[in-house]
């Protein structure tokens, strides 16, 4: 009933920037927590960043803090993941997600809707 669509993935050199977008066609998630997760081959899906719907509070994993930001544009019903100073270890499939209820933002179990993922590959 709700589909999130990620875009913007691709290949990028280490140290470079990349911006991912997550859109929710036909739905408004202005009051929802929006999060980004990633999953590398052979590893569990891990939390990357999240932003609250009301206050705009942001929360980042230690591994990306200072390098990534998660702006959102409620008018466009879109959330972004701005990635800077990328490292090869950032290589993963990145997923966006939306949570309809209050719960820990860093937990994947919190989120009700997920996108299909977009591949980010960082070369060295």
PDB file of N, CA and C in Angstrom:
ATOM      1  N   UNK A   1       0.811  -1.200   0.000  1.00  0.00           N
ATOM      2  CA  UNK A   1       0.000   0.000   0.000  1.00  0.00           C
ATOM      3  C   UNK A   1       0.848   1.255   0.000  1.00  0.00           C
ATOM      4  N   UNK A   2       2.059   1.156   0.505  1.00  0.00           N
ATOM      5  CA  UNK A   2       2.996   2.271   0.493  1.00  0.00           C
ATOM      6  C   UNK A   2       4.304   1.780  -0.104  1.00  0.00           C
ATOM      7  N   UNK A   3       4.783   2.514  -1.063  1.00  0.00           N
ATOM      8  CA  UNK A   3       6.028   2.158  -1.717  1.00  0.00           C
ATOM      9  C   UNK A   3       7.001   3.322  -1.633  1.00  0.00           C
ATOM     10  N   UNK A   4       8.175   3.039  -1.129  1.00  0.00           N
ATOM     11  CA  UNK A   4       9.247   4.010  -1.092  1.00  0.00           C
ATOM     12  C   UNK A   4      10.220   3.690  -2.211  1.00  0.00           C
ATOM     13  N   UNK A   5      10.721   4.720  -2.857  1.00  0.00           N
ATOM     14  CA  UNK A   5      11.579   4.529  -4.012  1.00  0.00           C
ATOM     15  C   UNK A   5      12.876   5.287  -3.812  1.00  0.00           C
ATOM     16  N   UNK A   6      13.974   4.546  -3.727  1.00  0.00           N
ATOM     17  CA  UNK A   6      15.292   5.153  -3.609  1.00  0.00           C
ATOM     18  C   UNK A   6      15.885   5.390  -4.991  1.00  0.00           C
ATOM     19  N   UNK A   7      16.721   6.395  -5.074  1.00  0.00           N
ATOM     20  CA  UNK A   7      17.449   6.666  -6.294  1.00  0.00           C
ATOM     21  C   UNK A   7      18.745   7.382  -5.947  1.00  0.00           C
ATOM     22  N   UNK A   8      19.643   7.432  -6.894  1.00  0.00           N
ATOM     23  CA  UNK A   8      20.885   8.172  -6.721  1.00  0.00           C
ATOM     24  C   UNK A   8      22.108   7.328  -6.485  1.00  0.00           C
ATOM     25  N   UNK A   9      21.938   6.035  -6.368  1.00  0.00           N
ATOM     26  CA  UNK A   9      23.083   5.179  -6.146  1.00  0.00           C
ATOM     27  C   UNK A   9      23.952   5.058  -7.383  1.00  0.00           C
ATOM     28  N   UNK A  10      25.136   4.518  -7.182  1.00  0.00           N
ATOM     29  CA  UNK A  10      26.056   4.337  -8.278  1.00  0.00           C
ATOM     30  C   UNK A  10      27.470   4.173  -7.779  1.00  0.00           C
ATOM     31  N   UNK A  11      28.414   4.313  -8.690  1.00  0.00           N
ATOM     32  CA  UNK A  11      29.827   4.219  -8.346  1.00  0.00           C
ATOM     33  C   UNK A  11      30.387   5.604  -8.069  1.00  0.00           C
ATOM     34  N   UNK A  12      31.208   5.690  -7.056  1.00  0.00           N
ATOM     35  CA  UNK A  12      31.842   6.950  -6.700  1.00  0.00           C
ATOM     36  C   UNK A  12      33.225   6.654  -6.144  1.00  0.00           C
ATOM     37  N   UNK A  13      34.155   7.543  -6.386  1.00  0.00           N
ATOM     38  CA  UNK A  13      35.499   7.372  -5.857  1.00  0.00           C
ATOM     39  C   UNK A  13      35.545   7.714  -4.376  1.00  0.00           C
ATOM     40  N   UNK A  14      36.431   7.057  -3.677  1.00  0.00           N
ATOM     41  CA  UNK A  14      36.617   7.354  -2.261  1.00  0.00           C
ATOM     42  C   UNK A  14      36.895   8.841  -2.071  1.00  0.00           C
ATOM     43  N   UNK A  15      36.250   9.398  -1.065  1.00  0.00           N
ATOM     44  CA  UNK A  15      36.390  10.811  -0.782  1.00  0.00           C
ATOM     45  C   UNK A  15      35.347  11.677  -1.437  1.00  0.00           C
ATOM     46  N   UNK A  16      34.632  11.118  -2.375  1.00  0.00           N
ATOM     47  CA  UNK A  16      33.653  11.886  -3.105  1.00  0.00           C
ATOM     48  C   UNK A  16      32.297  11.918  -2.443  1.00  0.00           C
ATOM     49  N   UNK A  17      31.421  12.763  -2.958  1.00  0.00           N
ATOM     50  CA  UNK A  17      30.063  12.859  -2.440  1.00  0.00           C
ATOM     51  C   UNK A  17      29.067  12.096  -3.300  1.00  0.00           C
ATOM     52  N   UNK A  18      27.954  11.785  -2.699  1.00  0.00           N
ATOM     53  CA  UNK A  18      26.842  11.180  -3.410  1.00  0.00           C
ATOM     54  C   UNK A  18      25.580  11.487  -2.631  1.00  0.00           C
ATOM     55  N   UNK A  19      24.512  11.767  -3.325  1.00  0.00           N
ATOM     56  CA  UNK A  19      23.242  12.039  -2.670  1.00  0.00           C
ATOM     57  C   UNK A  19      22.195  11.030  -3.103  1.00  0.00           C
ATOM     58  N   UNK A  20      21.611  10.382  -2.130  1.00  0.00           N
ATOM     59  CA  UNK A  20      20.519   9.467  -2.374  1.00  0.00           C
ATOM     60  C   UNK A  20      19.197  10.157  -2.080  1.00  0.00           C
ATOM     61  N   UNK A  21      18.176   9.775  -2.804  1.00  0.00           N
ATOM     62  CA  UNK A  21      16.846  10.308  -2.590  1.00  0.00           C
ATOM     63  C   UNK A  21      15.882   9.173  -2.300  1.00  0.00           C
ATOM     64  N   UNK A  22      14.878   9.473  -1.508  1.00  0.00           N
ATOM     65  CA  UNK A  22      13.834   8.517  -1.203  1.00  0.00           C
ATOM     66  C   UNK A  22      12.502   9.227  -1.315  1.00  0.00           C
ATOM     67  N   UNK A  23      11.703   8.797  -2.250  1.00  0.00           N
ATOM     68  CA  UNK A  23      10.399   9.398  -2.478  1.00  0.00           C
ATOM     69  C   UNK A  23       9.294   8.418  -2.124  1.00  0.00           C
ATOM     70  N   UNK A  24       8.170   8.968  -1.719  1.00  0.00           N
ATOM     71  CA  UNK A  24       6.999   8.171  -1.373  1.00  0.00           C
ATOM     72  C   UNK A  24       5.841   8.601  -2.254  1.00  0.00           C
ATOM     73  N   UNK A  25       5.757   8.062  -3.444  1.00  0.00           N
ATOM     74  CA  UNK A  25       4.697   8.474  -4.363  1.00  0.00           C
ATOM     75  C   UNK A  25       3.307   8.225  -3.798  1.00  0.00           C
ATOM     76  N   UNK A  26       2.485   9.250  -3.852  1.00  0.00           N
ATOM     77  CA  UNK A  26       1.106   9.125  -3.436  1.00  0.00           C
ATOM     78  C   UNK A  26       0.864   9.157  -1.948  1.00  0.00           C
ATOM     79  N   UNK A  27       1.902   9.367  -1.166  1.00  0.00           N
ATOM     80  CA  UNK A  27       1.759   9.406   0.289  1.00  0.00           C
ATOM     81  C   UNK A  27       2.510  10.588   0.861  1.00  0.00           C
ATOM     82  N   UNK A  28       2.058  11.024   2.028  1.00  0.00           N
ATOM     83  CA  UNK A  28       2.716  12.088   2.755  1.00  0.00           C
ATOM     84  C   UNK A  28       3.264  11.530   4.059  1.00  0.00           C
ATOM     85  N   UNK A  29       4.550  11.698   4.256  1.00  0.00           N
ATOM     86  CA  UNK A  29       5.203  11.184   5.458  1.00  0.00           C
ATOM     87  C   UNK A  29       5.790  12.307   6.298  1.00  0.00           C
ATOM     88  N   UNK A  30       5.175  13.468   6.228  1.00  0.00           N
ATOM     89  CA  UNK A  30       5.687  14.610   6.968  1.00  0.00           C
ATOM     90  C   UNK A  30       5.723  14.404   8.470  1.00  0.00           C
ATOM     91  N   UNK A  31       4.848  13.582   8.989  1.00  0.00           N
ATOM     92  CA  UNK A  31       4.796  13.326  10.422  1.00  0.00           C
ATOM     93  C   UNK A  31       5.493  12.032  10.813  1.00  0.00           C
ATOM     94  N   UNK A  32       6.151  11.416   9.867  1.00  0.00           N
ATOM     95  CA  UNK A  32       6.780  10.120  10.105  1.00  0.00           C
ATOM     96  C   UNK A  32       8.283  10.250  10.280  1.00  0.00           C
ATOM     97  N   UNK A  33       8.828   9.339  11.060  1.00  0.00           N
ATOM     98  CA  UNK A  33      10.275   9.189  11.111  1.00  0.00           C
ATOM     99  C   UNK A  33      10.729   8.525   9.822  1.00  0.00           C
ATOM    100  N   UNK A  34      11.740   9.086   9.211  1.00  0.00           N
ATOM    101  CA  UNK A  34      12.321   8.514   8.009  1.00  0.00           C
ATOM    102  C   UNK A  34      13.754   8.117   8.310  1.00  0.00           C
ATOM    103  N   UNK A  35      14.112   6.941   7.873  1.00  0.00           N
ATOM    104  CA  UNK A  35      15.443   6.441   8.155  1.00  0.00           C
ATOM    105  C   UNK A  35      16.132   5.865   6.944  1.00  0.00           C
ATOM    106  N   UNK A  36      17.437   5.780   7.048  1.00  0.00           N
ATOM    107  CA  UNK A  36      18.265   5.120   6.046  1.00  0.00           C
ATOM    108  C   UNK A  36      19.025   3.981   6.712  1.00  0.00           C
ATOM    109  N   UNK A  37      19.042   2.863   6.043  1.00  0.00           N
ATOM    110  CA  UNK A  37      19.802   1.702   6.467  1.00  0.00           C
ATOM    111  C   UNK A  37      20.657   1.237   5.296  1.00  0.00           C
ATOM    112  N   UNK A  38      21.615   0.402   5.591  1.00  0.00           N
ATOM    113  CA  UNK A  38      22.425  -0.159   4.518  1.00  0.00           C
ATOM    114  C   UNK A  38      22.792  -1.594   4.855  1.00  0.00           C
ATOM    115  N   UNK A  39      23.062  -2.350   3.822  1.00  0.00           N
ATOM    116  CA  UNK A  39      23.432  -3.738   3.999  1.00  0.00           C
ATOM    117  C   UNK A  39      24.524  -4.102   3.006  1.00  0.00           C
ATOM    118  N   UNK A  40      25.657  -4.481   3.538  1.00  0.00           N
ATOM    119  CA  UNK A  40      26.769  -4.947   2.728  1.00  0.00           C
ATOM    120  C   UNK A  40      26.671  -6.461   2.578  1.00  0.00           C
ATOM    121  N   UNK A  41      27.285  -7.017   1.543  1.00  0.00           N
ATOM    122  CA  UNK A  41      27.233  -8.467   1.345  1.00  0.00           C
ATOM    123  C   UNK A  41      27.728  -9.232   2.564  1.00  0.00           C
ATOM    124  N   UNK A  42      26.939 -10.202   2.999  1.00  0.00           N
ATOM    125  CA  UNK A  42      27.315 -11.029   4.133  1.00  0.00           C
ATOM    126  C   UNK A  42      27.139 -10.390   5.484  1.00  0.00           C
ATOM    127  N   UNK A  43      26.582  -9.202   5.528  1.00  0.00           N
ATOM    128  CA  UNK A  43      26.399  -8.502   6.794  1.00  0.00           C
ATOM    129  C   UNK A  43      24.926  -8.185   7.030  1.00  0.00           C
ATOM    130  N   UNK A  44      24.604  -7.946   8.290  1.00  0.00           N
ATOM    131  CA  UNK A  44      23.246  -7.551   8.637  1.00  0.00           C
ATOM    132  C   UNK A  44      22.979  -6.125   8.193  1.00  0.00           C
ATOM    133  N   UNK A  45      21.721  -5.853   7.986  1.00  0.00           N
ATOM    134  CA  UNK A  45      21.325  -4.490   7.697  1.00  0.00           C
ATOM    135  C   UNK A  45      21.622  -3.621   8.916  1.00  0.00           C
ATOM    136  N   UNK A  46      22.235  -2.483   8.684  1.00  0.00           N
ATOM    137  CA  UNK A  46      22.613  -1.607   9.777  1.00  0.00           C
ATOM    138  C   UNK A  46      22.032  -0.215   9.606  1.00  0.00           C
ATOM    139  N   UNK A  47      21.783   0.406  10.730  1.00  0.00           N
ATOM    140  CA  UNK A  47      21.251   1.751  10.748  1.00  0.00           C
ATOM    141  C   UNK A  47      22.297   2.745  10.277  1.00  0.00           C
ATOM    142  N   UNK A  48      21.852   3.727   9.519  1.00  0.00           N
ATOM    143  CA  UNK A  48      22.727   4.783   9.042  1.00  0.00           C
ATOM    144  C   UNK A  48      22.333   6.137   9.612  1.00  0.00           C
ATOM    145  N   UNK A  49      21.083   6.532   9.394  1.00  0.00           N
ATOM    146  CA  UNK A  49      20.637   7.842   9.824  1.00  0.00           C
ATOM    147  C   UNK A  49      19.124   7.881   9.848  1.00  0.00           C
ATOM    148  N   UNK A  50      18.570   8.806  10.636  1.00  0.00           N
ATOM    149  CA  UNK A  50      17.128   8.981  10.692  1.00  0.00           C
ATOM    150  C   UNK A  50      16.804  10.423  11.020  1.00  0.00           C
ATOM    151  N   UNK A  51      15.611  10.830  10.652  1.00  0.00           N
ATOM    152  CA  UNK A  51      15.132  12.170  10.949  1.00  0.00           C
ATOM    153  C   UNK A  51      13.684  12.076  11.389  1.00  0.00           C
ATOM    154  N   UNK A  52      13.340  12.799  12.437  1.00  0.00           N
ATOM    155  CA  UNK A  52      11.983  12.768  12.953  1.00  0.00           C
ATOM    156  C   UNK A  52      11.065  13.596  12.076  1.00  0.00           C
ATOM    157  N   UNK A  53       9.774  13.300  12.171  1.00  0.00           N
ATOM    158  CA  UNK A  53       8.814  14.000  11.333  1.00  0.00           C
ATOM    159  C   UNK A  53       8.451  15.375  11.834  1.00  0.00           C
ATOM    160  N   UNK A  54       8.341  15.532  13.137  1.00  0.00           N
ATOM    161  CA  UNK A  54       7.887  16.782  13.699  1.00  0.00           C
ATOM    162  C   UNK A  54       8.970  17.807  13.937  1.00  0.00           C
ATOM    163  N   UNK A  55       9.935  17.447  14.743  1.00  0.00           N
ATOM    164  CA  UNK A  55      10.969  18.380  15.163  1.00  0.00           C
ATOM    165  C   UNK A  55      12.155  18.455  14.217  1.00  0.00           C
ATOM    166  N   UNK A  56      12.301  17.472  13.351  1.00  0.00           N
ATOM    167  CA  UNK A  56      13.467  17.424  12.495  1.00  0.00           C
ATOM    168  C   UNK A  56      14.717  16.920  13.189  1.00  0.00           C
ATOM    169  N   UNK A  57      14.529  16.321  14.342  1.00  0.00           N
ATOM    170  CA  UNK A  57      15.645  15.721  15.061  1.00  0.00           C
ATOM    171  C   UNK A  57      16.327  14.679  14.186  1.00  0.00           C
ATOM    172  N   UNK A  58      17.645  14.706  14.160  1.00  0.00           N
ATOM    173  CA  UNK A  58      18.406  13.745  13.377  1.00  0.00           C
ATOM    174  C   UNK A  58      19.264  12.880  14.273  1.00  0.00           C
ATOM    175  N   UNK A  59      19.514  11.707  13.813  1.00  0.00           N
ATOM    176  CA  UNK A  59      20.295  10.727  14.559  1.00  0.00           C
ATOM    177  C   UNK A  59      21.137   9.956  13.561  1.00  0.00           C
ATOM    178  N   UNK A  60      22.424   9.823  13.862  1.00  0.00           N
ATOM    179  CA  UNK A  60      23.356   9.185  12.948  1.00  0.00           C
ATOM    180  C   UNK A  60      24.135   8.084  13.626  1.00  0.00           C
ATOM    181  N   UNK A  61      24.424   7.063  12.862  1.00  0.00           N
ATOM    182  CA  UNK A  61      25.341   6.043  13.339  1.00  0.00           C
ATOM    183  C   UNK A  61      26.733   6.653  13.487  1.00  0.00           C
ATOM    184  N   UNK A  62      27.474   6.165  14.458  1.00  0.00           N
ATOM    185  CA  UNK A  62      28.814   6.693  14.685  1.00  0.00           C
ATOM    186  C   UNK A  62      29.699   6.568  13.449  1.00  0.00           C
ATOM    187  N   UNK A  63      29.474   5.542  12.663  1.00  0.00           N
ATOM    188  CA  UNK A  63      30.306   5.296  11.504  1.00  0.00           C
ATOM    189  C   UNK A  63      30.152   6.347  10.410  1.00  0.00           C
ATOM    190  N   UNK A  64      29.051   7.090  10.435  1.00  0.00           N
ATOM    191  CA  UNK A  64      28.811   8.078   9.388  1.00  0.00           C
ATOM    192  C   UNK A  64      28.685   9.495   9.920  1.00  0.00           C
ATOM    193  N   UNK A  65      28.652   9.657  11.218  1.00  0.00           N
ATOM    194  CA  UNK A  65      28.490  10.979  11.806  1.00  0.00           C
ATOM    195  C   UNK A  65      29.615  11.904  11.360  1.00  0.00           C
ATOM    196  N   UNK A  66      29.233  13.088  10.928  1.00  0.00           N
ATOM    197  CA  UNK A  66      30.196  14.041  10.424  1.00  0.00           C
ATOM    198  C   UNK A  66      30.439  13.939   8.938  1.00  0.00           C
ATOM    199  N   UNK A  67      29.992  12.861   8.330  1.00  0.00           N
ATOM    200  CA  UNK A  67      30.151  12.667   6.895  1.00  0.00           C
ATOM    201  C   UNK A  67      28.821  12.669   6.153  1.00  0.00           C
ATOM    202  N   UNK A  68      27.797  12.124   6.781  1.00  0.00           N
ATOM    203  CA  UNK A  68      26.483  12.020   6.154  1.00  0.00           C
ATOM    204  C   UNK A  68      25.500  12.962   6.833  1.00  0.00           C
ATOM    205  N   UNK A  69      24.535  13.447   6.075  1.00  0.00           N
ATOM    206  CA  UNK A  69      23.414  14.186   6.622  1.00  0.00           C
ATOM    207  C   UNK A  69      22.129  13.660   6.004  1.00  0.00           C
ATOM    208  N   UNK A  70      21.016  13.903   6.697  1.00  0.00           N
ATOM    209  CA  UNK A  70      19.738  13.375   6.230  1.00  0.00           C
ATOM    210  C   UNK A  70      18.694  14.497   6.166  1.00  0.00           C
ATOM    211  N   UNK A  71      18.810  15.351   5.180  1.00  0.00           N
ATOM    212  CA  UNK A  71      17.789  16.380   5.005  1.00  0.00           C
ATOM    213  C   UNK A  71      16.495  15.792   4.454  1.00  0.00           C
ATOM    214  N   UNK A  72      15.390  16.456   4.736  1.00  0.00           N
ATOM    215  CA  UNK A  72      14.119  16.036   4.160  1.00  0.00           C
ATOM    216  C   UNK A  72      13.366  17.250   3.660  1.00  0.00           C
ATOM    217  N   UNK A  73      12.577  17.026   2.647  1.00  0.00           N
ATOM    218  CA  UNK A  73      11.759  18.063   2.056  1.00  0.00           C
ATOM    219  C   UNK A  73      10.328  17.556   2.071  1.00  0.00           C
ATOM    220  N   UNK A  74       9.580  17.978   3.078  1.00  0.00           N
ATOM    221  CA  UNK A  74       8.217  17.481   3.215  1.00  0.00           C
ATOM    222  C   UNK A  74       7.314  17.932   2.068  1.00  0.00           C
ATOM    223  N   UNK A  75       7.604  19.090   1.505  1.00  0.00           N
ATOM    224  CA  UNK A  75       6.818  19.569   0.380  1.00  0.00           C
ATOM    225  C   UNK A  75       6.939  18.637  -0.812  1.00  0.00           C
ATOM    226  N   UNK A  76       8.102  18.035  -0.970  1.00  0.00           N
ATOM    227  CA  UNK A  76       8.332  17.088  -2.057  1.00  0.00           C
ATOM    228  C   UNK A  76       8.133  15.648  -1.621  1.00  0.00           C
ATOM    229  N   UNK A  77       7.803  15.481  -0.339  1.00  0.00           N
ATOM    230  CA  UNK A  77       7.619  14.145   0.215  1.00  0.00           C
ATOM    231  C   UNK A  77       8.844  13.273  -0.054  1.00  0.00           C
ATOM    232  N   UNK A  78       9.992  13.861   0.194  1.00  0.00           N
ATOM    233  CA  UNK A  78      11.258  13.218  -0.129  1.00  0.00           C
ATOM    234  C   UNK A  78      12.246  13.396   1.012  1.00  0.00           C
ATOM    235  N   UNK A  79      12.989  12.354   1.278  1.00  0.00           N
ATOM    236  CA  UNK A  79      14.085  12.418   2.221  1.00  0.00           C
ATOM    237  C   UNK A  79      15.363  12.073   1.470  1.00  0.00           C
ATOM    238  N   UNK A  80      16.463  12.678   1.874  1.00  0.00           N
ATOM    239  CA  UNK A  80      17.738  12.492   1.204  1.00  0.00           C
ATOM    240  C   UNK A  80      18.771  11.922   2.159  1.00  0.00           C
ATOM    241  N   UNK A  81      19.760  11.324   1.599  1.00  0.00           N
ATOM    242  CA  UNK A  81      20.955  10.982   2.344  1.00  0.00           C
ATOM    243  C   UNK A  81      22.128  11.595   1.596  1.00  0.00           C
ATOM    244  N   UNK A  82      22.668  12.662   2.155  1.00  0.00           N
ATOM    245  CA  UNK A  82      23.827  13.310   1.572  1.00  0.00           C
ATOM    246  C   UNK A  82      25.071  12.675   2.155  1.00  0.00           C
ATOM    247  N   UNK A  83      25.841  12.027   1.320  1.00  0.00           N
ATOM    248  CA  UNK A  83      27.024  11.306   1.752  1.00  0.00           C
ATOM    249  C   UNK A  83      28.259  12.023   1.241  1.00  0.00           C
ATOM    250  N   UNK A  84      29.129  12.373   2.146  1.00  0.00           N
ATOM    251  CA  UNK A  84      30.388  13.021   1.812  1.00  0.00           C
ATOM    252  C   UNK A  84      31.540  12.197   2.357  1.00  0.00           C
ATOM    253  N   UNK A  85      32.712  12.450   1.826  1.00  0.00           N
ATOM    254  CA  UNK A  85      33.918  11.755   2.273  1.00  0.00           C
ATOM    255  C   UNK A  85      33.713  10.247   2.303  1.00  0.00           C
ATOM    256  N   UNK A  86      33.184   9.737   1.228  1.00  0.00           N
ATOM    257  CA  UNK A  86      32.860   8.317   1.170  1.00  0.00           C
ATOM    258  C   UNK A  86      34.101   7.442   1.254  1.00  0.00           C
ATOM    259  N   UNK A  87      33.918   6.307   1.889  1.00  0.00           N
ATOM    260  CA  UNK A  87      34.972   5.323   2.066  1.00  0.00           C
ATOM    261  C   UNK A  87      34.552   4.016   1.415  1.00  0.00           C
ATOM    262  N   UNK A  88      35.514   3.187   1.026  1.00  0.00           N
ATOM    263  CA  UNK A  88      35.146   1.889   0.447  1.00  0.00           C
ATOM    264  C   UNK A  88      34.236   1.072   1.356  1.00  0.00           C
ATOM    265  N   UNK A  89      34.384   1.192   2.658  1.00  0.00           N
ATOM    266  CA  UNK A  89      33.548   0.443   3.577  1.00  0.00           C
ATOM    267  C   UNK A  89      32.107   0.941   3.618  1.00  0.00           C
ATOM    268  N   UNK A  90      31.821   2.047   2.949  1.00  0.00           N
ATOM    269  CA  UNK A  90      30.454   2.510   2.812  1.00  0.00           C
ATOM    270  C   UNK A  90      29.703   1.765   1.715  1.00  0.00           C
ATOM    271  N   UNK A  91      30.406   0.950   0.956  1.00  0.00           N
ATOM    272  CA  UNK A  91      29.782   0.188  -0.110  1.00  0.00           C
ATOM    273  C   UNK A  91      28.700  -0.726   0.451  1.00  0.00           C
ATOM    274  N   UNK A  92      27.501  -0.592  -0.069  1.00  0.00           N
ATOM    275  CA  UNK A  92      26.366  -1.364   0.421  1.00  0.00           C
ATOM    276  C   UNK A  92      25.146  -1.033  -0.423  1.00  0.00           C
ATOM    277  N   UNK A  93      24.103  -1.794  -0.212  1.00  0.00           N
ATOM    278  CA  UNK A  93      22.796  -1.414  -0.713  1.00  0.00           C
ATOM    279  C   UNK A  93      22.145  -0.543   0.347  1.00  0.00           C
ATOM    280  N   UNK A  94      21.687   0.612  -0.050  1.00  0.00           N
ATOM    281  CA  UNK A  94      21.086   1.559   0.872  1.00  0.00           C
ATOM    282  C   UNK A  94      19.574   1.536   0.725  1.00  0.00           C
ATOM    283  N   UNK A  95      18.892   1.489   1.863  1.00  0.00           N
ATOM    284  CA  UNK A  95      17.444   1.427   1.912  1.00  0.00           C
ATOM    285  C   UNK A  95      16.895   2.601   2.702  1.00  0.00           C
ATOM    286  N   UNK A  96      15.806   3.155   2.234  1.00  0.00           N
ATOM    287  CA  UNK A  96      15.096   4.111   3.058  1.00  0.00           C
ATOM    288  C   UNK A  96      13.869   3.438   3.649  1.00  0.00           C
ATOM    289  N   UNK A  97      13.384   4.000   4.743  1.00  0.00           N
ATOM    290  CA  UNK A  97      12.270   3.403   5.449  1.00  0.00           C
ATOM    291  C   UNK A  97      11.458   4.478   6.144  1.00  0.00           C
ATOM    292  N   UNK A  98      10.196   4.174   6.375  1.00  0.00           N
ATOM    293  CA  UNK A  98       9.286   5.081   7.059  1.00  0.00           C
ATOM    294  C   UNK A  98       8.648   4.374   8.244  1.00  0.00           C
ATOM    295  N   UNK A  99       8.608   5.063   9.364  1.00  0.00           N
ATOM    296  CA  UNK A  99       7.996   4.535  10.575  1.00  0.00           C
ATOM    297  C   UNK A  99       6.736   5.313  10.897  1.00  0.00           C
ATOM    298  N   UNK A 100       5.665   4.612  11.171  1.00  0.00           N
ATOM    299  CA  UNK A 100       4.388   5.244  11.457  1.00  0.00           C
ATOM    300  C   UNK A 100       4.126   5.409  12.941  1.00  0.00           C
ATOM    301  N   UNK A 101       4.942   4.814  13.770  1.00  0.00           N
ATOM    302  CA  UNK A 101       4.759   4.889  15.209  1.00  0.00           C
ATOM    303  C   UNK A 101       6.082   5.193  15.894  1.00  0.00           C
ATOM    304  N   UNK A 102       5.976   5.730  17.088  1.00  0.00           N
ATOM    305  CA  UNK A 102       7.160   6.077  17.846  1.00  0.00           C
ATOM    306  C   UNK A 102       7.848   4.812  18.344  1.00  0.00           C
ATOM    307  N   UNK A 103       9.112   4.714  18.068  1.00  0.00           N
ATOM    308  CA  UNK A 103       9.932   3.578  18.451  1.00  0.00           C
ATOM    309  C   UNK A 103      11.385   3.975  18.243  1.00  0.00           C
ATOM    310  N   UNK A 104      12.323   3.194  18.749  1.00  0.00           N
ATOM    311  CA  UNK A 104      13.730   3.557  18.555  1.00  0.00           C
ATOM    312  C   UNK A 104      14.076   3.706  17.079  1.00  0.00           C
ATOM    313  N   UNK A 105      14.644   4.846  16.736  1.00  0.00           N
ATOM    314  CA  UNK A 105      14.883   5.162  15.340  1.00  0.00           C
ATOM    315  C   UNK A 105      15.980   4.328  14.706  1.00  0.00           C
ATOM    316  N   UNK A 106      16.868   3.804  15.515  1.00  0.00           N
ATOM    317  CA  UNK A 106      17.992   3.058  14.981  1.00  0.00           C
ATOM    318  C   UNK A 106      17.688   1.585  14.759  1.00  0.00           C
ATOM    319  N   UNK A 107      16.494   1.154  15.119  1.00  0.00           N
ATOM    320  CA  UNK A 107      16.117  -0.245  14.982  1.00  0.00           C
ATOM    321  C   UNK A 107      15.333  -0.457  13.691  1.00  0.00           C
ATOM    322  N   UNK A 108      15.738  -1.431  12.921  1.00  0.00           N
ATOM    323  CA  UNK A 108      15.018  -1.730  11.692  1.00  0.00           C
ATOM    324  C   UNK A 108      13.593  -2.187  11.966  1.00  0.00           C
ATOM    325  N   UNK A 109      13.357  -2.753  13.154  1.00  0.00           N
ATOM    326  CA  UNK A 109      12.017  -3.212  13.514  1.00  0.00           C
ATOM    327  C   UNK A 109      11.040  -2.057  13.691  1.00  0.00           C
ATOM    328  N   UNK A 110      11.551  -0.865  13.839  1.00  0.00           N
ATOM    329  CA  UNK A 110      10.718   0.313  14.017  1.00  0.00           C
ATOM    330  C   UNK A 110       9.946   0.666  12.758  1.00  0.00           C
ATOM    331  N   UNK A 111      10.506   0.335  11.625  1.00  0.00           N
ATOM    332  CA  UNK A 111      10.009   0.847  10.360  1.00  0.00           C
ATOM    333  C   UNK A 111       8.983  -0.065   9.709  1.00  0.00           C
ATOM    334  N   UNK A 112       7.981   0.564   9.139  1.00  0.00           N
ATOM    335  CA  UNK A 112       6.848  -0.144   8.568  1.00  0.00           C
ATOM    336  C   UNK A 112       6.931  -0.306   7.060  1.00  0.00           C
ATOM    337  N   UNK A 113       7.590   0.615   6.400  1.00  0.00           N
ATOM    338  CA  UNK A 113       7.663   0.607   4.948  1.00  0.00           C
ATOM    339  C   UNK A 113       9.093   0.795   4.504  1.00  0.00           C
ATOM    340  N   UNK A 114       9.449   0.085   3.472  1.00  0.00           N
ATOM    341  CA  UNK A 114      10.818   0.073   2.978  1.00  0.00           C
ATOM    342  C   UNK A 114      10.862   0.246   1.472  1.00  0.00           C
ATOM    343  N   UNK A 115      11.939   0.825   1.017  1.00  0.00           N
ATOM    344  CA  UNK A 115      12.200   0.891  -0.400  1.00  0.00           C
ATOM    345  C   UNK A 115      12.922  -0.348  -0.879  1.00  0.00           C
ATOM    346  N   UNK A 116      13.168  -0.399  -2.160  1.00  0.00           N
ATOM    347  CA  UNK A 116      13.796  -1.569  -2.772  1.00  0.00           C
ATOM    348  C   UNK A 116      15.311  -1.576  -2.643  1.00  0.00           C
ATOM    349  N   UNK A 117      15.877  -0.460  -2.291  1.00  0.00           N
ATOM    350  CA  UNK A 117      17.315  -0.347  -2.136  1.00  0.00           C
ATOM    351  C   UNK A 117      17.997   0.202  -3.372  1.00  0.00           C
ATOM    352  N   UNK A 118      19.100   0.879  -3.153  1.00  0.00           N
ATOM    353  CA  UNK A 118      19.918   1.378  -4.249  1.00  0.00           C
ATOM    354  C   UNK A 118      21.377   1.115  -3.916  1.00  0.00           C
ATOM    355  N   UNK A 119      22.105   0.607  -4.890  1.00  0.00           N
ATOM    356  CA  UNK A 119      23.485   0.197  -4.669  1.00  0.00           C
ATOM    357  C   UNK A 119      24.422   1.396  -4.680  1.00  0.00           C
ATOM    358  N   UNK A 120      25.257   1.460  -3.672  1.00  0.00           N
ATOM    359  CA  UNK A 120      26.331   2.446  -3.615  1.00  0.00           C
ATOM    360  C   UNK A 120      27.645   1.689  -3.559  1.00  0.00           C
ATOM    361  N   UNK A 121      28.513   1.956  -4.503  1.00  0.00           N
ATOM    362  CA  UNK A 121      29.817   1.324  -4.546  1.00  0.00           C
ATOM    363  C   UNK A 121      30.884   2.403  -4.524  1.00  0.00           C
ATOM    364  N   UNK A 122      31.764   2.313  -3.553  1.00  0.00           N
ATOM    365  CA  UNK A 122      32.827   3.296  -3.391  1.00  0.00           C
ATOM    366  C   UNK A 122      34.143   2.635  -3.760  1.00  0.00           C
ATOM    367  N   UNK A 123      34.798   3.171  -4.748  1.00  0.00           N
ATOM    368  CA  UNK A 123      36.058   2.617  -5.213  1.00  0.00           C
ATOM    369  C   UNK A 123      37.226   3.338  -4.574  1.00  0.00           C
ATOM    370  N   UNK A 124      38.338   2.626  -4.463  1.00  0.00           N
ATOM    371  CA  UNK A 124      39.552   3.199  -3.910  1.00  0.00           C
ATOM    372  C   UNK A 124      40.642   3.300  -4.948  1.00  0.00           C
TER     373      UNK A 124
END
